[in-house]
Amino acid sequence: VHDDTIFIKIMISFGDIRKMPMRIQQILIKQETEQKAQPQQIQREGEALFSQ
């Protein structure tokens, strides 16, 4: 804890996702997809800068 800030790590088990409402499943899947795509996009942009 630094400067009265608490960091909480949340892990989601997708093994039990079928028990959640469909709307929540779609939101979780979309968020996970965006998180995985973001580092790849940054890497591609960096490679494009160095290849010029």
C-alpha atoms as a PDB file:
ATOM      1  CA  VAL A   1       0.000   0.000   0.000  1.00  0.00           C
ATOM      2  CA  HIS A   2       1.441   3.315  -1.093  1.00  0.00           C
ATOM      3  CA  ASP A   3      -0.195   6.715  -0.517  1.00  0.00           C
ATOM      4  CA  ASP A   4      -3.358   5.102   0.867  1.00  0.00           C
ATOM      5  CA  THR A   5      -3.926   3.267  -2.412  1.00  0.00           C
ATOM      6  CA  ILE A   6      -4.893  -0.375  -2.428  1.00  0.00           C
ATOM      7  CA  PHE A   7      -4.426  -2.495  -5.528  1.00  0.00           C
ATOM      8  CA  ILE A   8      -6.779  -5.426  -5.896  1.00  0.00           C
ATOM      9  CA  LYS A   9      -6.104  -8.179  -8.392  1.00  0.00           C
ATOM     10  CA  ILE A  10      -9.203  -9.972  -9.623  1.00  0.00           C
ATOM     11  CA  MET A  11      -9.018 -13.303 -11.382  1.00  0.00           C
ATOM     12  CA  ILE A  12     -11.996 -14.709 -13.239  1.00  0.00           C
ATOM     13  CA  SER A  13     -12.461 -18.409 -13.721  1.00  0.00           C
ATOM     14  CA  PHE A  14     -14.048 -18.875 -17.130  1.00  0.00           C
ATOM     15  CA  GLY A  15     -14.816 -22.469 -16.187  1.00  0.00           C
ATOM     16  CA  ASP A  16     -17.948 -21.276 -14.397  1.00  0.00           C
ATOM     17  CA  ILE A  17     -18.896 -18.614 -16.938  1.00  0.00           C
ATOM     18  CA  ARG A  18     -21.778 -20.711 -18.263  1.00  0.00           C
ATOM     19  CA  LYS A  19     -23.616 -20.060 -14.984  1.00  0.00           C
ATOM     20  CA  MET A  20     -23.596 -16.308 -15.552  1.00  0.00           C
ATOM     21  CA  PRO A  21     -26.246 -14.421 -17.522  1.00  0.00           C
ATOM     22  CA  MET A  22     -25.512 -14.243 -21.264  1.00  0.00           C
ATOM     23  CA  ARG A  23     -25.089 -10.448 -21.155  1.00  0.00           C
ATOM     24  CA  ILE A  24     -22.394 -10.727 -18.470  1.00  0.00           C
ATOM     25  CA  GLN A  25     -20.637 -13.525 -20.382  1.00  0.00           C
ATOM     26  CA  GLN A  26     -20.468 -11.342 -23.492  1.00  0.00           C
ATOM     27  CA  ILE A  27     -19.075  -8.379 -21.543  1.00  0.00           C
ATOM     28  CA  LEU A  28     -16.379 -10.513 -19.885  1.00  0.00           C
ATOM     29  CA  ILE A  29     -15.349 -12.110 -23.172  1.00  0.00           C
ATOM     30  CA  LYS A  30     -15.182  -8.702 -24.874  1.00  0.00           C
ATOM     31  CA  GLN A  31     -13.018  -7.265 -22.074  1.00  0.00           C
ATOM     32  CA  GLU A  32     -10.646 -10.233 -22.179  1.00  0.00           C
ATOM     33  CA  THR A  33     -10.348  -9.973 -25.969  1.00  0.00           C
ATOM     34  CA  GLU A  34      -9.583  -6.246 -25.781  1.00  0.00           C
ATOM     35  CA  GLN A  35      -6.940  -6.771 -23.099  1.00  0.00           C
ATOM     36  CA  LYS A  36      -5.192  -9.444 -25.142  1.00  0.00           C
ATOM     37  CA  ALA A  37      -5.349  -7.357 -28.334  1.00  0.00           C
ATOM     38  CA  GLN A  38      -3.963  -4.192 -26.733  1.00  0.00           C
ATOM     39  CA  PRO A  39      -0.336  -5.382 -26.168  1.00  0.00           C
ATOM     40  CA  GLN A  40      -0.234  -6.833 -29.691  1.00  0.00           C
ATOM     41  CA  GLN A  41      -1.402  -3.524 -31.161  1.00  0.00           C
ATOM     42  CA  ILE A  42       1.269  -1.589 -29.244  1.00  0.00           C
ATOM     43  CA  GLN A  43       3.928  -4.055 -30.408  1.00  0.00           C
ATOM     44  CA  ARG A  44       2.840  -3.688 -34.053  1.00  0.00           C
ATOM     45  CA  GLU A  45       2.944   0.112 -33.794  1.00  0.00           C
ATOM     46  CA  GLY A  46       6.460  -0.072 -32.338  1.00  0.00           C
ATOM     47  CA  GLU A  47       7.619  -2.399 -35.111  1.00  0.00           C
ATOM     48  CA  ALA A  48       6.180  -0.022 -37.718  1.00  0.00           C
ATOM     49  CA  LEU A  49       8.140   2.881 -36.236  1.00  0.00           C
ATOM     50  CA  PHE A  50      11.424   0.968 -36.293  1.00  0.00           C
ATOM     51  CA  SER A  51      10.955  -0.402 -39.806  1.00  0.00           C
ATOM     52  CA  GLN A  52      10.760   3.056 -41.402  1.00  0.00           C
END
